Protein backbone atom coordinates (compact mmCIF):
# COMPACT_ATOMS: atom_id res chain seq x y z
CA MET A 1 154.64 74.90 148.00
CA TYR A 2 153.39 71.52 147.26
CA HIS A 3 154.22 70.34 150.80
CA PHE A 4 151.58 73.04 151.94
CA VAL A 5 148.56 71.97 149.85
CA LYS A 6 146.06 69.43 150.64
CA GLY A 7 147.21 66.07 148.72
CA GLY A 8 150.62 67.58 148.01
CA ASN A 9 152.83 65.91 150.56
CA ASP A 10 150.48 64.29 153.30
CA SER A 11 153.35 62.03 154.75
CA LEU A 12 154.63 65.35 156.40
CA SER A 13 153.95 65.82 160.29
CA LYS A 14 152.21 68.86 161.00
CA THR A 15 155.36 69.89 163.07
CA ARG A 16 157.64 69.65 160.11
CA ARG A 17 155.05 71.12 157.92
CA GLU A 18 155.03 74.08 160.22
CA THR A 19 158.84 74.33 160.88
CA MET A 20 159.31 74.40 156.81
CA PHE A 21 156.62 77.11 156.37
CA ILE A 22 158.35 79.31 158.98
CA GLN A 23 161.66 78.86 157.49
CA MET A 24 160.46 79.70 154.11
CA LEU A 25 158.78 83.00 155.38
CA GLU A 26 162.12 83.64 156.91
CA GLY A 27 163.97 83.50 153.75
CA LEU A 28 161.37 85.76 151.87
CA HIS A 29 161.01 89.77 151.98
CA PRO A 30 158.86 90.93 154.79
CA ALA A 31 156.35 92.17 152.26
CA GLU A 32 156.30 88.96 150.67
CA ALA A 33 156.13 87.08 153.81
CA ASP A 34 153.06 89.06 154.70
CA LEU A 35 151.34 88.54 151.28
CA LEU A 36 152.13 84.80 151.67
CA SER A 37 150.47 84.59 155.20
CA LEU A 38 147.39 86.44 153.94
CA VAL A 39 147.15 83.97 151.36
CA LYS A 40 147.51 81.18 153.99
CA ASP A 41 144.69 82.81 156.02
CA LYS A 42 142.53 83.30 153.12
CA ASP A 43 142.56 86.89 154.17
CA LEU A 44 144.10 88.50 151.00
CA CYS A 45 140.99 90.64 150.35
CA SER A 46 141.66 92.28 153.70
CA LYS A 47 144.50 94.05 152.02
CA TYR A 48 144.06 94.10 148.66
CA LYS A 49 140.54 94.77 146.78
CA ILE A 50 140.15 91.47 145.07
CA SER A 51 136.98 89.93 143.80
CA LYS A 52 135.71 87.13 141.70
CA GLN A 53 134.57 89.62 138.98
CA VAL A 54 138.29 91.09 138.96
CA VAL A 55 139.89 87.64 138.63
CA GLU A 56 137.45 86.75 135.78
CA GLN A 57 138.17 89.93 134.15
CA SER A 58 142.17 89.36 134.39
CA PHE A 59 142.03 85.69 133.55
CA PRO A 60 139.26 85.00 131.24
CA ASP A 61 140.43 81.38 130.62
CA ILE A 62 139.97 80.23 134.19
CA ARG A 63 137.68 77.43 134.54
CA TRP A 64 135.91 77.44 137.66
CA GLY A 65 134.36 74.29 138.11
CA ASP A 66 132.99 73.64 141.66
CA ARG A 67 134.96 76.32 143.26
CA SER A 68 133.54 79.96 144.02
């Protein structure tokens, strides 16, 4: 997964990164691939009722820092 986050592997070309992502999705169960695509698109809340409050209650040790 580090290939797909900022700062993980910046030397990969965009085409290679996209190809690797597609290959990874093809190896997953369709429901898992759908979930990963929602995460990539920052659209997880469209399918699941997730809020910051729910995450804070579930994981009280998270240090949010400058993130929201």
